[in-house]
PDB file of N, CA and C in Angstrom:
ATOM      1  N   MET A   1     -38.242  46.336  29.997  1.00  0.00           N
ATOM      2  CA  MET A   1     -38.092  44.856  29.103  1.00  0.00           C
ATOM      3  C   MET A   1     -37.259  43.875  29.802  1.00  0.00           C
ATOM      4  N   LYS A   2     -36.150  44.555  30.298  1.00  0.00           N
ATOM      5  CA  LYS A   2     -35.170  44.020  30.598  1.00  0.00           C
ATOM      6  C   LYS A   2     -35.954  43.276  31.756  1.00  0.00           C
ATOM      7  N   GLN A   3     -36.374  43.071  32.562  1.00  0.00           N
ATOM      8  CA  GLN A   3     -37.257  42.375  33.631  1.00  0.00           C
ATOM      9  C   GLN A   3     -37.925  41.418  33.648  1.00  0.00           C
ATOM     10  N   LEU A   4     -38.273  41.721  31.568  1.00  0.00           N
ATOM     11  CA  LEU A   4     -39.336  40.432  30.989  1.00  0.00           C
ATOM     12  C   LEU A   4     -38.395  39.678  31.108  1.00  0.00           C
ATOM     13  N   LEU A   5     -37.258  40.333  29.540  1.00  0.00           N
ATOM     14  CA  LEU A   5     -36.027  39.386  29.181  1.00  0.00           C
ATOM     15  C   LEU A   5     -35.311  38.339  30.660  1.00  0.00           C
ATOM     16  N   ILE A   6     -34.884  38.587  31.466  1.00  0.00           N
ATOM     17  CA  ILE A   6     -34.034  37.802  32.462  1.00  0.00           C
ATOM     18  C   ILE A   6     -34.810  36.806  32.758  1.00  0.00           C
ATOM     19  N   PRO A   7     -36.365  36.713  32.897  1.00  0.00           N
ATOM     20  CA  PRO A   7     -37.055  35.861  33.704  1.00  0.00           C
ATOM     21  C   PRO A   7     -37.085  34.300  32.644  1.00  0.00           C
ATOM     22  N   ALA A   8     -37.920  34.974  31.377  1.00  0.00           N
ATOM     23  CA  ALA A   8     -37.613  33.773  29.952  1.00  0.00           C
ATOM     24  C   ALA A   8     -36.774  33.426  29.997  1.00  0.00           C
ATOM     25  N   PHE A   9     -35.437  33.866  29.703  1.00  0.00           N
ATOM     26  CA  PHE A   9     -34.293  33.148  29.637  1.00  0.00           C
ATOM     27  C   PHE A   9     -33.503  32.403  30.980  1.00  0.00           C
ATOM     28  N   ALA A  10     -34.396  32.584  31.962  1.00  0.00           N
ATOM     29  CA  ALA A  10     -33.828  31.689  33.184  1.00  0.00           C
ATOM     30  C   ALA A  10     -34.963  30.336  32.614  1.00  0.00           C
ATOM     31  N   LEU A  11     -36.044  30.889  32.302  1.00  0.00           N
ATOM     32  CA  LEU A  11     -36.939  29.650  31.894  1.00  0.00           C
ATOM     33  C   LEU A  11     -36.697  28.427  30.846  1.00  0.00           C
ATOM     34  N   SER A  12     -36.156  29.362  29.956  1.00  0.00           N
ATOM     35  CA  SER A  12     -35.581  28.694  28.398  1.00  0.00           C
ATOM     36  C   SER A  12     -34.469  27.801  28.930  1.00  0.00           C
ATOM     37  N   LEU A  13     -33.514  28.770  29.871  1.00  0.00           N
ATOM     38  CA  LEU A  13     -32.713  27.451  30.597  1.00  0.00           C
ATOM     39  C   LEU A  13     -32.819  26.215  30.834  1.00  0.00           C
ATOM     40  N   THR A  14     -34.081  26.410  31.981  1.00  0.00           N
ATOM     41  CA  THR A  14     -34.121  24.983  32.642  1.00  0.00           C
ATOM     42  C   THR A  14     -35.251  24.077  32.338  1.00  0.00           C
ATOM     43  N   THR A  15     -35.730  24.693  31.125  1.00  0.00           N
ATOM     44  CA  THR A  15     -36.271  23.635  30.446  1.00  0.00           C
ATOM     45  C   THR A  15     -36.019  22.977  29.487  1.00  0.00           C
ATOM     46  N   SER A  16     -34.786  23.917  28.694  1.00  0.00           N
ATOM     47  CA  SER A  16     -33.761  23.263  27.637  1.00  0.00           C
ATOM     48  C   SER A  16     -32.779  21.915  28.066  1.00  0.00           C
ATOM     49  N   PRO A  17     -32.803  21.365  29.119  1.00  0.00           N
ATOM     50  CA  PRO A  17     -31.950  20.062  29.337  1.00  0.00           C
ATOM     51  C   PRO A  17     -33.285  19.356  29.330  1.00  0.00           C
ATOM     52  N   LEU A  18     -34.501  19.809  30.448  1.00  0.00           N
ATOM     53  CA  LEU A  18     -35.423  18.277  29.880  1.00  0.00           C
ATOM     54  C   LEU A  18     -35.815  18.178  28.680  1.00  0.00           C
ATOM     55  N   ALA A  19     -36.021  18.747  27.628  1.00  0.00           N
ATOM     56  CA  ALA A  19     -35.707  18.710  26.603  1.00  0.00           C
ATOM     57  C   ALA A  19     -35.062  18.059  25.712  1.00  0.00           C
ATOM     58  N   ALA A  20     -33.820  17.871  26.095  1.00  0.00           N
ATOM     59  CA  ALA A  20     -32.726  16.865  25.791  1.00  0.00           C
ATOM     60  C   ALA A  20     -32.905  15.606  26.261  1.00  0.00           C
ATOM     61  N   GLN A  21     -33.117  16.100  27.285  1.00  0.00           N
ATOM     62  CA  GLN A  21     -33.123  14.415  27.894  1.00  0.00           C
ATOM     63  C   GLN A  21     -34.216  13.669  27.377  1.00  0.00           C
ATOM     64  N   THR A  22     -35.295  13.823  26.940  1.00  0.00           N
ATOM     65  CA  THR A  22     -36.357  12.773  26.112  1.00  0.00           C
ATOM     66  C   THR A  22     -35.681  12.612  25.154  1.00  0.00           C
ATOM     67  N   ASP A  23     -34.738  13.254  24.132  1.00  0.00           N
ATOM     68  CA  ASP A  23     -34.357  12.916  22.665  1.00  0.00           C
ATOM     69  C   ASP A  23     -33.599  11.784  23.039  1.00  0.00           C
ATOM     70  N   THR A  24     -32.740  12.161  23.763  1.00  0.00           N
ATOM     71  CA  THR A  24     -31.374  11.403  24.087  1.00  0.00           C
ATOM     72  C   THR A  24     -31.331  10.079  23.705  1.00  0.00           C
ATOM     73  N   PRO A  25     -31.028   9.399  23.311  1.00  0.00           N
ATOM     74  CA  PRO A  25     -31.059   7.616  22.736  1.00  0.00           C
ATOM     75  C   PRO A  25     -30.474   7.166  24.163  1.00  0.00           C
ATOM     76  N   THR A  26     -30.770   5.863  24.151  1.00  0.00           N
ATOM     77  CA  THR A  26     -30.214   4.966  25.007  1.00  0.00           C
ATOM     78  C   THR A  26     -29.029   4.740  24.407  1.00  0.00           C
ATOM     79  N   PRO A  27     -27.710   4.137  25.419  1.00  0.00           N
ATOM     80  CA  PRO A  27     -26.841   3.427  24.699  1.00  0.00           C
ATOM     81  C   PRO A  27     -26.917   2.448  23.604  1.00  0.00           C
ATOM     82  N   GLU A  28     -27.385   1.418  23.735  1.00  0.00           N
ATOM     83  CA  GLU A  28     -28.308   0.512  22.565  1.00  0.00           C
ATOM     84  C   GLU A  28     -28.135   1.221  21.188  1.00  0.00           C
ATOM     85  N   GLU A  29     -29.477   2.015  21.324  1.00  0.00           N
ATOM     86  CA  GLU A  29     -29.855   2.594  20.325  1.00  0.00           C
ATOM     87  C   GLU A  29     -28.653   3.154  19.403  1.00  0.00           C
ATOM     88  N   GLY A  30     -27.699   3.836  20.433  1.00  0.00           N
ATOM     89  CA  GLY A  30     -27.115   4.770  19.570  1.00  0.00           C
ATOM     90  C   GLY A  30     -25.611   4.194  18.644  1.00  0.00           C
ATOM     91  N   PHE A  31     -25.719   2.886  19.449  1.00  0.00           N
ATOM     92  CA  PHE A  31     -24.948   2.011  18.561  1.00  0.00           C
ATOM     93  C   PHE A  31     -25.486   1.503  17.338  1.00  0.00           C
ATOM     94  N   SER A  32     -26.807   1.054  17.803  1.00  0.00           N
ATOM     95  CA  SER A  32     -27.255   0.344  16.779  1.00  0.00           C
ATOM     96  C   SER A  32     -27.291   1.731  15.313  1.00  0.00           C
ATOM     97  N   LEU A  33     -27.606   3.452  15.851  1.00  0.00           N
ATOM     98  CA  LEU A  33     -27.871   4.071  14.766  1.00  0.00           C
ATOM     99  C   LEU A  33     -26.151   4.330  14.221  1.00  0.00           C
ATOM    100  N   MET A  34     -25.323   3.784  15.026  1.00  0.00           N
ATOM    101  CA  MET A  34     -23.539   4.001  14.429  1.00  0.00           C
ATOM    102  C   MET A  34     -23.419   2.888  13.580  1.00  0.00           C
ATOM    103  N   GLU A  35     -24.205   1.772  13.784  1.00  0.00           N
ATOM    104  CA  GLU A  35     -23.836   0.522  13.120  1.00  0.00           C
ATOM    105  C   GLU A  35     -24.864   0.804  11.268  1.00  0.00           C
ATOM    106  N   GLU A  36     -25.786   1.525  12.326  1.00  0.00           N
ATOM    107  CA  GLU A  36     -26.902   1.748  10.631  1.00  0.00           C
ATOM    108  C   GLU A  36     -26.125   2.173   9.404  1.00  0.00           C
ATOM    109  N   GLY A  37     -24.876   3.319  10.318  1.00  0.00           N
ATOM    110  CA  GLY A  37     -24.723   4.017   9.258  1.00  0.00           C
ATOM    111  C   GLY A  37     -23.478   3.574   9.158  1.00  0.00           C
ATOM    112  N   ALA A  38     -23.046   3.173   9.414  1.00  0.00           N
ATOM    113  CA  ALA A  38     -21.355   2.001   9.199  1.00  0.00           C
ATOM    114  C   ALA A  38     -21.965   1.614   7.906  1.00  0.00           C
ATOM    115  N   GLN A  39     -22.915   0.696   7.655  1.00  0.00           N
ATOM    116  CA  GLN A  39     -23.796  -0.573   6.873  1.00  0.00           C
ATOM    117  C   GLN A  39     -23.506   0.132   5.424  1.00  0.00           C
ATOM    118  N   LEU A  40     -24.574   1.315   6.144  1.00  0.00           N
ATOM    119  CA  LEU A  40     -24.690   2.370   5.077  1.00  0.00           C
ATOM    120  C   LEU A  40     -23.727   3.246   3.866  1.00  0.00           C
ATOM    121  N   LEU A  41     -22.773   3.400   4.581  1.00  0.00           N
ATOM    122  CA  LEU A  41     -21.155   3.847   4.571  1.00  0.00           C
ATOM    123  C   LEU A  41     -20.969   2.754   3.528  1.00  0.00           C
ATOM    124  N   LEU A  42     -20.499   1.495   4.086  1.00  0.00           N
ATOM    125  CA  LEU A  42     -19.930   0.531   2.923  1.00  0.00           C
ATOM    126  C   LEU A  42     -20.744   0.015   2.157  1.00  0.00           C
ATOM    127  N   ARG A  43     -21.676  -0.001   2.102  1.00  0.00           N
ATOM    128  CA  ARG A  43     -22.736  -0.303   1.061  1.00  0.00           C
ATOM    129  C   ARG A  43     -22.690   0.647  -0.557  1.00  0.00           C
ATOM    130  N   GLY A  44     -22.741   1.732   0.313  1.00  0.00           N
ATOM    131  CA  GLY A  44     -22.666   2.915  -0.722  1.00  0.00           C
ATOM    132  C   GLY A  44     -21.597   3.024  -1.467  1.00  0.00           C
ATOM    133  N   LEU A  45     -19.869   2.629  -0.776  1.00  0.00           N
ATOM    134  CA  LEU A  45     -18.842   2.512  -1.456  1.00  0.00           C
ATOM    135  C   LEU A  45     -18.903   1.107  -1.803  1.00  0.00           C
ATOM    136  N   MET A  46     -19.741  -0.081  -1.837  1.00  0.00           N
ATOM    137  CA  MET A  46     -19.254  -1.852  -2.693  1.00  0.00           C
ATOM    138  C   MET A  46     -20.150  -0.830  -3.874  1.00  0.00           C
ATOM    139  N   SER A  47     -21.041  -0.291  -3.717  1.00  0.00           N
ATOM    140  CA  SER A  47     -22.166   0.055  -5.307  1.00  0.00           C
ATOM    141  C   SER A  47     -21.122   1.042  -5.623  1.00  0.00           C
ATOM    142  N   GLU A  48     -20.521   2.279  -5.868  1.00  0.00           N
ATOM    143  CA  GLU A  48     -19.225   2.532  -6.239  1.00  0.00           C
ATOM    144  C   GLU A  48     -17.996   1.851  -6.504  1.00  0.00           C
ATOM    145  N   LEU A  49     -17.639   1.263  -5.644  1.00  0.00           N
ATOM    146  CA  LEU A  49     -16.555   0.481  -6.816  1.00  0.00           C
ATOM    147  C   LEU A  49     -16.918  -0.939  -7.490  1.00  0.00           C
ATOM    148  N   GLU A  50     -17.972  -1.420  -7.274  1.00  0.00           N
ATOM    149  CA  GLU A  50     -18.108  -2.613  -8.503  1.00  0.00           C
ATOM    150  C   GLU A  50     -18.080  -2.704  -9.658  1.00  0.00           C
ATOM    151  N   PRO A  51     -18.434  -1.729 -10.331  1.00  0.00           N
ATOM    152  CA  PRO A  51     -17.764  -1.813 -11.434  1.00  0.00           C
ATOM    153  C   PRO A  51     -16.222  -1.742 -12.073  1.00  0.00           C
ATOM    154  N   ALA A  52     -15.571  -1.189 -11.052  1.00  0.00           N
ATOM    155  CA  ALA A  52     -14.235  -1.430 -10.900  1.00  0.00           C
ATOM    156  C   ALA A  52     -13.428  -2.875 -10.978  1.00  0.00           C
ATOM    157  N   PHE A  53     -14.763  -3.268 -10.224  1.00  0.00           N
ATOM    158  CA  PHE A  53     -14.138  -4.624  -9.672  1.00  0.00           C
ATOM    159  C   PHE A  53     -14.270  -5.700 -10.742  1.00  0.00           C
ATOM    160  N   ASP A  54     -15.410  -5.425 -11.294  1.00  0.00           N
ATOM    161  CA  ASP A  54     -15.970  -6.072 -12.204  1.00  0.00           C
ATOM    162  C   ASP A  54     -14.765  -5.925 -13.423  1.00  0.00           C
ATOM    163  N   ASP A  55     -14.276  -4.713 -13.907  1.00  0.00           N
ATOM    164  CA  ASP A  55     -13.577  -4.292 -15.251  1.00  0.00           C
ATOM    165  C   ASP A  55     -12.059  -5.169 -14.176  1.00  0.00           C
ATOM    166  N   LEU A  56     -11.732  -5.136 -13.440  1.00  0.00           N
ATOM    167  CA  LEU A  56     -10.270  -5.273 -12.623  1.00  0.00           C
ATOM    168  C   LEU A  56     -10.570  -7.624 -13.174  1.00  0.00           C
ATOM    169  N   GLN A  57     -11.382  -8.122 -12.880  1.00  0.00           N
ATOM    170  CA  GLN A  57     -11.819  -9.339 -12.995  1.00  0.00           C
ATOM    171  C   GLN A  57     -11.726  -9.415 -14.289  1.00  0.00           C
ATOM    172  N   ASP A  58     -12.192  -8.473 -15.144  1.00  0.00           N
ATOM    173  CA  ASP A  58     -11.986  -9.083 -16.726  1.00  0.00           C
ATOM    174  C   ASP A  58     -10.424  -8.941 -17.154  1.00  0.00           C
ATOM    175  N   LEU A  59      -9.935  -8.347 -16.856  1.00  0.00           N
ATOM    176  CA  LEU A  59      -8.636  -7.478 -17.070  1.00  0.00           C
ATOM    177  C   LEU A  59      -7.807  -9.042 -17.006  1.00  0.00           C
ATOM    178  N   ALA A  60      -8.362  -9.928 -15.448  1.00  0.00           N
ATOM    179  CA  ALA A  60      -7.423 -10.880 -15.083  1.00  0.00           C
ATOM    180  C   ALA A  60      -7.789 -11.973 -15.524  1.00  0.00           C
ATOM    181  N   THR A  61      -9.227 -12.126 -15.975  1.00  0.00           N
ATOM    182  CA  THR A  61      -9.137 -13.109 -17.154  1.00  0.00           C
ATOM    183  C   THR A  61      -8.642 -13.132 -17.988  1.00  0.00           C
ATOM    184  N   GLU A  62      -8.892 -12.104 -18.567  1.00  0.00           N
ATOM    185  CA  GLU A  62      -8.083 -11.833 -20.266  1.00  0.00           C
ATOM    186  C   GLU A  62      -6.805 -12.066 -20.084  1.00  0.00           C
ATOM    187  N   MET A  63      -5.716 -11.805 -18.989  1.00  0.00           N
ATOM    188  CA  MET A  63      -4.233 -11.557 -19.217  1.00  0.00           C
ATOM    189  C   MET A  63      -3.874 -12.999 -18.152  1.00  0.00           C
ATOM    190  N   GLY A  64      -4.571 -13.613 -17.766  1.00  0.00           N
ATOM    191  CA  GLY A  64      -4.399 -14.975 -17.183  1.00  0.00           C
ATOM    192  C   GLY A  64      -3.626 -15.693 -18.029  1.00  0.00           C
ATOM    193  N   PRO A  65      -4.036 -16.367 -19.619  1.00  0.00           N
ATOM    194  CA  PRO A  65      -3.342 -17.095 -19.471  1.00  0.00           C
ATOM    195  C   PRO A  65      -2.204 -16.465 -20.500  1.00  0.00           C
ATOM    196  N   ARG A  66      -1.872 -15.542 -20.423  1.00  0.00           N
ATOM    197  CA  ARG A  66      -0.372 -14.559 -21.386  1.00  0.00           C
ATOM    198  C   ARG A  66       0.486 -14.878 -20.059  1.00  0.00           C
ATOM    199  N   MET A  67       0.428 -14.126 -18.838  1.00  0.00           N
ATOM    200  CA  MET A  67       0.860 -14.128 -18.011  1.00  0.00           C
ATOM    201  C   MET A  67       1.428 -15.636 -17.203  1.00  0.00           C
ATOM    202  N   GLN A  68       0.865 -16.703 -17.944  1.00  0.00           N
ATOM    203  CA  GLN A  68       0.822 -18.329 -17.213  1.00  0.00           C
ATOM    204  C   GLN A  68       1.985 -18.307 -18.157  1.00  0.00           C
ATOM    205  N   MET A  69       1.680 -17.800 -19.817  1.00  0.00           N
ATOM    206  CA  MET A  69       2.621 -18.305 -20.245  1.00  0.00           C
ATOM    207  C   MET A  69       3.963 -17.545 -20.277  1.00  0.00           C
ATOM    208  N   LEU A  70       3.838 -16.361 -20.264  1.00  0.00           N
ATOM    209  CA  LEU A  70       5.739 -15.457 -19.670  1.00  0.00           C
ATOM    210  C   LEU A  70       6.336 -16.055 -18.352  1.00  0.00           C
ATOM    211  N   THR A  71       5.383 -16.709 -17.631  1.00  0.00           N
ATOM    212  CA  THR A  71       5.823 -17.479 -16.488  1.00  0.00           C
ATOM    213  C   THR A  71       6.927 -18.481 -16.568  1.00  0.00           C
ATOM    214  N   GLU A  72       6.157 -19.510 -17.648  1.00  0.00           N
ATOM    215  CA  GLU A  72       6.643 -20.215 -17.976  1.00  0.00           C
ATOM    216  C   GLU A  72       7.614 -20.216 -19.028  1.00  0.00           C
ATOM    217  N   GLN A  73       7.941 -19.651 -19.945  1.00  0.00           N
ATOM    218  CA  GLN A  73       8.798 -18.907 -20.743  1.00  0.00           C
ATOM    219  C   GLN A  73       9.926 -18.345 -20.380  1.00  0.00           C
ATOM    220  N   MET A  74       9.779 -17.658 -19.003  1.00  0.00           N
ATOM    221  CA  MET A  74      10.909 -16.471 -18.845  1.00  0.00           C
ATOM    222  C   MET A  74      11.460 -16.567 -17.323  1.00  0.00           C
ATOM    223  N   GLY A  75      10.599 -17.554 -16.720  1.00  0.00           N
ATOM    224  CA  GLY A  75      10.819 -18.104 -15.052  1.00  0.00           C
ATOM    225  C   GLY A  75      12.055 -18.777 -15.239  1.00  0.00           C
ATOM    226  N   PRO A  76      12.636 -19.986 -16.248  1.00  0.00           N
ATOM    227  CA  PRO A  76      14.088 -20.151 -16.099  1.00  0.00           C
ATOM    228  C   PRO A  76      15.307 -19.330 -15.865  1.00  0.00           C
ATOM    229  N   ALA A  77      14.721 -18.031 -16.956  1.00  0.00           N
ATOM    230  CA  ALA A  77      15.708 -17.573 -17.099  1.00  0.00           C
ATOM    231  C   ALA A  77      15.923 -16.311 -16.129  1.00  0.00           C
ATOM    232  N   PHE A  78      14.466 -16.052 -15.508  1.00  0.00           N
ATOM    233  CA  PHE A  78      14.923 -14.857 -14.437  1.00  0.00           C
ATOM    234  C   PHE A  78      15.816 -15.839 -13.044  1.00  0.00           C
ATOM    235  N   ALA A  79      15.173 -17.136 -12.835  1.00  0.00           N
ATOM    236  CA  ALA A  79      15.889 -18.034 -12.228  1.00  0.00           C
ATOM    237  C   ALA A  79      17.543 -18.364 -12.525  1.00  0.00           C
ATOM    238  N   GLU A  80      17.522 -17.919 -13.786  1.00  0.00           N
ATOM    239  CA  GLU A  80      19.767 -18.136 -14.047  1.00  0.00           C
ATOM    240  C   GLU A  80      19.845 -16.652 -13.551  1.00  0.00           C
ATOM    241  N   LEU A  81      19.316 -15.593 -14.109  1.00  0.00           N
ATOM    242  CA  LEU A  81      19.774 -14.288 -13.485  1.00  0.00           C
ATOM    243  C   LEU A  81      20.113 -14.447 -12.338  1.00  0.00           C
ATOM    244  N   LEU A  82      18.920 -14.820 -11.558  1.00  0.00           N
ATOM    245  CA  LEU A  82      19.327 -14.089  -9.499  1.00  0.00           C
ATOM    246  C   LEU A  82      20.280 -15.260  -9.151  1.00  0.00           C
ATOM    247  N   GLY A  83      20.375 -16.250  -9.934  1.00  0.00           N
ATOM    248  CA  GLY A  83      21.322 -17.496  -9.303  1.00  0.00           C
ATOM    249  C   GLY A  83      23.125 -16.252  -9.896  1.00  0.00           C
ATOM    250  N   GLN A  84      23.506 -15.353 -10.913  1.00  0.00           N
ATOM    251  CA  GLN A  84      24.111 -14.777 -11.046  1.00  0.00           C
ATOM    252  C   GLN A  84      24.234 -13.200 -10.628  1.00  0.00           C
ATOM    253  N   VAL A  85      23.478 -12.602  -9.729  1.00  0.00           N
ATOM    254  CA  VAL A  85      23.253 -11.385  -9.142  1.00  0.00           C
ATOM    255  C   VAL A  85      22.974 -11.777  -7.807  1.00  0.00           C
ATOM    256  N   ASP A  86      23.784 -11.352  -6.917  1.00  0.00           N
ATOM    257  CA  ASP A  86      23.900 -11.376  -5.432  1.00  0.00           C
ATOM    258  C   ASP A  86      22.730 -10.814  -4.496  1.00  0.00           C
ATOM    259  N   ASP A  87      22.782  -9.893  -4.844  1.00  0.00           N
ATOM    260  CA  ASP A  87      21.936  -8.871  -4.200  1.00  0.00           C
ATOM    261  C   ASP A  87      21.435  -7.806  -5.059  1.00  0.00           C
ATOM    262  N   PHE A  88      20.508  -7.114  -5.357  1.00  0.00           N
ATOM    263  CA  PHE A  88      20.068  -6.066  -6.261  1.00  0.00           C
ATOM    264  C   PHE A  88      20.452  -4.570  -6.053  1.00  0.00           C
ATOM    265  N   THR A  89      20.790  -4.618  -4.333  1.00  0.00           N
ATOM    266  CA  THR A  89      20.993  -3.747  -4.191  1.00  0.00           C
ATOM    267  C   THR A  89      22.403  -3.167  -4.105  1.00  0.00           C
ATOM    268  N   ARG A  90      23.211  -3.762  -4.524  1.00  0.00           N
ATOM    269  CA  ARG A  90      25.150  -3.782  -4.872  1.00  0.00           C
ATOM    270  C   ARG A  90      24.639  -3.055  -6.047  1.00  0.00           C
ATOM    271  N   TYR A  91      23.754  -2.984  -7.161  1.00  0.00           N
ATOM    272  CA  TYR A  91      24.188  -2.762  -8.157  1.00  0.00           C
ATOM    273  C   TYR A  91      23.484  -1.125  -8.533  1.00  0.00           C
ATOM    274  N   HIS A  92      24.007  -0.350  -9.265  1.00  0.00           N
ATOM    275  CA  HIS A  92      23.595   1.151  -9.922  1.00  0.00           C
ATOM    276  C   HIS A  92      22.334   0.655 -10.594  1.00  0.00           C
ATOM    277  N   PRO A  93      20.940   1.502 -11.154  1.00  0.00           N
ATOM    278  CA  PRO A  93      19.900   0.871 -12.091  1.00  0.00           C
ATOM    279  C   PRO A  93      20.705   0.790 -13.005  1.00  0.00           C
ATOM    280  N   PRO A  94      19.677  -0.081 -14.267  1.00  0.00           N
ATOM    281  CA  PRO A  94      20.456  -0.648 -15.576  1.00  0.00           C
ATOM    282  C   PRO A  94      20.443   0.770 -16.440  1.00  0.00           C
ATOM    283  N   GLU A  95      20.896   0.161 -16.937  1.00  0.00           N
ATOM    284  CA  GLU A  95      21.474   1.604 -18.034  1.00  0.00           C
ATOM    285  C   GLU A  95      21.421   1.017 -19.751  1.00  0.00           C
ATOM    286  N   PHE A  96      20.551   1.300 -19.934  1.00  0.00           N
ATOM    287  CA  PHE A  96      20.000   1.369 -21.742  1.00  0.00           C
ATOM    288  C   PHE A  96      21.183   2.216 -22.896  1.00  0.00           C
ATOM    289  N   LEU A  97      22.192   1.066 -23.318  1.00  0.00           N
ATOM    290  CA  LEU A  97      22.693   1.304 -24.622  1.00  0.00           C
ATOM    291  C   LEU A  97      22.301   1.815 -25.795  1.00  0.00           C
ATOM    292  N   PRO A  98      22.884   2.741 -26.780  1.00  0.00           N
ATOM    293  CA  PRO A  98      22.381   3.015 -28.070  1.00  0.00           C
ATOM    294  C   PRO A  98      22.345   1.975 -28.429  1.00  0.00           C
ATOM    295  N   ASN A  99      23.332   1.366 -28.151  1.00  0.00           N
ATOM    296  CA  ASN A  99      23.129  -0.484 -29.297  1.00  0.00           C
ATOM    297  C   ASN A  99      21.834  -1.759 -28.777  1.00  0.00           C
ATOM    298  N   GLY A 100      21.073  -1.101 -27.952  1.00  0.00           N
ATOM    299  CA  GLY A 100      20.122  -2.134 -27.464  1.00  0.00           C
ATOM    300  C   GLY A 100      20.738  -2.620 -26.073  1.00  0.00           C
ATOM    301  N   ASP A 101      21.769  -2.763 -25.754  1.00  0.00           N
ATOM    302  CA  ASP A 101      22.685  -3.818 -24.746  1.00  0.00           C
ATOM    303  C   ASP A 101      21.702  -2.995 -23.105  1.00  0.00           C
ATOM    304  N   ILE A 102      21.999  -3.761 -22.211  1.00  0.00           N
ATOM    305  CA  ILE A 102      21.696  -3.537 -20.999  1.00  0.00           C
ATOM    306  C   ILE A 102      22.510  -3.658 -20.390  1.00  0.00           C
ATOM    307  N   ILE A 103      23.209  -2.824 -19.637  1.00  0.00           N
ATOM    308  CA  ILE A 103      24.238  -3.261 -18.162  1.00  0.00           C
ATOM    309  C   ILE A 103      24.115  -2.862 -16.778  1.00  0.00           C
ATOM    310  N   MET A 104      24.210  -3.779 -16.319  1.00  0.00           N
ATOM    311  CA  MET A 104      23.885  -3.307 -14.645  1.00  0.00           C
ATOM    312  C   MET A 104      25.175  -3.097 -14.226  1.00  0.00           C
ATOM    313  N   ARG A 105      26.108  -1.830 -14.082  1.00  0.00           N
ATOM    314  CA  ARG A 105      27.224  -1.400 -12.699  1.00  0.00           C
ATOM    315  C   ARG A 105      27.391  -1.833 -11.428  1.00  0.00           C
ATOM    316  N   ARG A 106      28.293  -2.889 -11.378  1.00  0.00           N
ATOM    317  CA  ARG A 106      27.920  -3.022  -9.714  1.00  0.00           C
ATOM    318  C   ARG A 106      28.499  -1.326  -9.186  1.00  0.00           C
ATOM    319  N   ARG A 107      28.018  -1.320  -7.790  1.00  0.00           N
ATOM    320  CA  ARG A 107      28.132  -0.523  -6.678  1.00  0.00           C
ATOM    321  C   ARG A 107      30.055  -0.537  -6.331  1.00  0.00           C
ATOM    322  N   ASP A 108      30.498   0.646  -6.509  1.00  0.00           N
ATOM    323  CA  ASP A 108      32.223   0.585  -5.597  1.00  0.00           C
ATOM    324  C   ASP A 108      31.899   0.167  -4.309  1.00  0.00           C
ATOM    325  N   ASP A 109      31.248   0.071  -3.739  1.00  0.00           N
ATOM    326  CA  ASP A 109      31.431   0.058  -2.043  1.00  0.00           C
ATOM    327  C   ASP A 109      30.991  -1.294  -2.005  1.00  0.00           C
ATOM    328  N   ALA A 110      30.076  -2.177  -2.861  1.00  0.00           N
ATOM    329  CA  ALA A 110      29.652  -3.011  -2.795  1.00  0.00           C
ATOM    330  C   ALA A 110      30.713  -4.358  -2.219  1.00  0.00           C
ATOM    331  N   PRO A 111      30.661  -5.474  -1.405  1.00  0.00           N
ATOM    332  CA  PRO A 111      31.852  -6.277  -1.916  1.00  0.00           C
ATOM    333  C   PRO A 111      32.115  -7.343  -2.784  1.00  0.00           C
ATOM    334  N   ASP A 112      33.140  -8.041  -2.786  1.00  0.00           N
ATOM    335  CA  ASP A 112      33.312  -8.992  -4.063  1.00  0.00           C
ATOM    336  C   ASP A 112      32.138  -9.925  -4.258  1.00  0.00           C
ATOM    337  N   PHE A 113      32.050 -10.489  -5.683  1.00  0.00           N
ATOM    338  CA  PHE A 113      30.885 -11.368  -5.851  1.00  0.00           C
ATOM    339  C   PHE A 113      31.953 -12.771  -7.015  1.00  0.00           C
ATOM    340  N   GLU A 114      31.402 -13.597  -6.739  1.00  0.00           N
ATOM    341  CA  GLU A 114      31.798 -14.697  -7.096  1.00  0.00           C
ATOM    342  C   GLU A 114      30.984 -15.662  -7.696  1.00  0.00           C
ATOM    343  N   PRO A 115      30.221 -15.791  -8.753  1.00  0.00           N
ATOM    344  CA  PRO A 115      29.206 -16.598  -8.878  1.00  0.00           C
ATOM    345  C   PRO A 115      29.341 -18.040  -8.849  1.00  0.00           C
ATOM    346  N   GLU A 116      28.363 -18.509  -8.394  1.00  0.00           N
ATOM    347  CA  GLU A 116      28.987 -20.188  -8.839  1.00  0.00           C
ATOM    348  C   GLU A 116      28.625 -21.000 -10.257  1.00  0.00           C
ATOM    349  N   LEU A 117      29.886 -20.937 -10.962  1.00  0.00           N
ATOM    350  CA  LEU A 117      29.893 -21.600 -12.702  1.00  0.00           C
ATOM    351  C   LEU A 117      29.669 -22.979 -12.661  1.00  0.00           C
ATOM    352  N   PRO A 118      29.253 -23.039 -13.495  1.00  0.00           N
ATOM    353  CA  PRO A 118      28.689 -24.436 -13.458  1.00  0.00           C
ATOM    354  C   PRO A 118      29.786 -25.629 -13.402  1.00  0.00           C
ATOM    355  N   ARG A 119      29.704 -26.673 -13.172  1.00  0.00           N
ATOM    356  CA  ARG A 119      31.011 -27.647 -13.151  1.00  0.00           C
ATOM    357  C   ARG A 119      31.288 -27.805 -14.750  1.00  0.00           C
ATOM    358  N   GLU A 120      32.307 -28.152 -15.130  1.00  0.00           N
ATOM    359  CA  GLU A 120      32.748 -28.439 -16.574  1.00  0.00           C
ATOM    360  C   GLU A 120      32.194 -29.967 -16.668  1.00  0.00           C
ATOM    361  N   ILE A 121      31.768 -30.737 -17.881  1.00  0.00           N
ATOM    362  CA  ILE A 121      32.212 -32.009 -17.836  1.00  0.00           C
ATOM    363  C   ILE A 121      32.598 -32.780 -18.565  1.00  0.00           C
ATOM    364  N   GLU A 122      33.159 -33.558 -18.167  1.00  0.00           N
ATOM    365  CA  GLU A 122      34.296 -34.358 -18.470  1.00  0.00           C
ATOM    366  C   GLU A 122      34.010 -35.403 -19.858  1.00  0.00           C
ATOM    367  N   LEU A 123      34.734 -34.939 -20.597  1.00  0.00           N
ATOM    368  CA  LEU A 123      33.949 -36.355 -21.645  1.00  0.00           C
ATOM    369  C   LEU A 123      34.557 -37.430 -22.032  1.00  0.00           C
TER     370      LEU A 123
END
């Protein structure tokens, strides 16, 4: 029995590379298959994400006027605040006091800062 298995095994080893060579795609075919697979993957992702993009667009359309109004009203106040604070990394996080006030304490190691005060108007 062993004597029959050894030649059969040797014969199978010699024929398997021939079978593999006939099914091997050329480099051009290999790249086209990879490209096709990548396209299918991206199409699948886009079809999965399309509802989320639609929802995001609806939200942006709804919130757009509100955001514009917020920037028009809060923009000047925020610019004034930035003029009074030199660098936010030199401050501790804001603290909310029980009475509703919000304070930002300057860090101990921060250098002194003197904001530019508006000039007095002579009457």
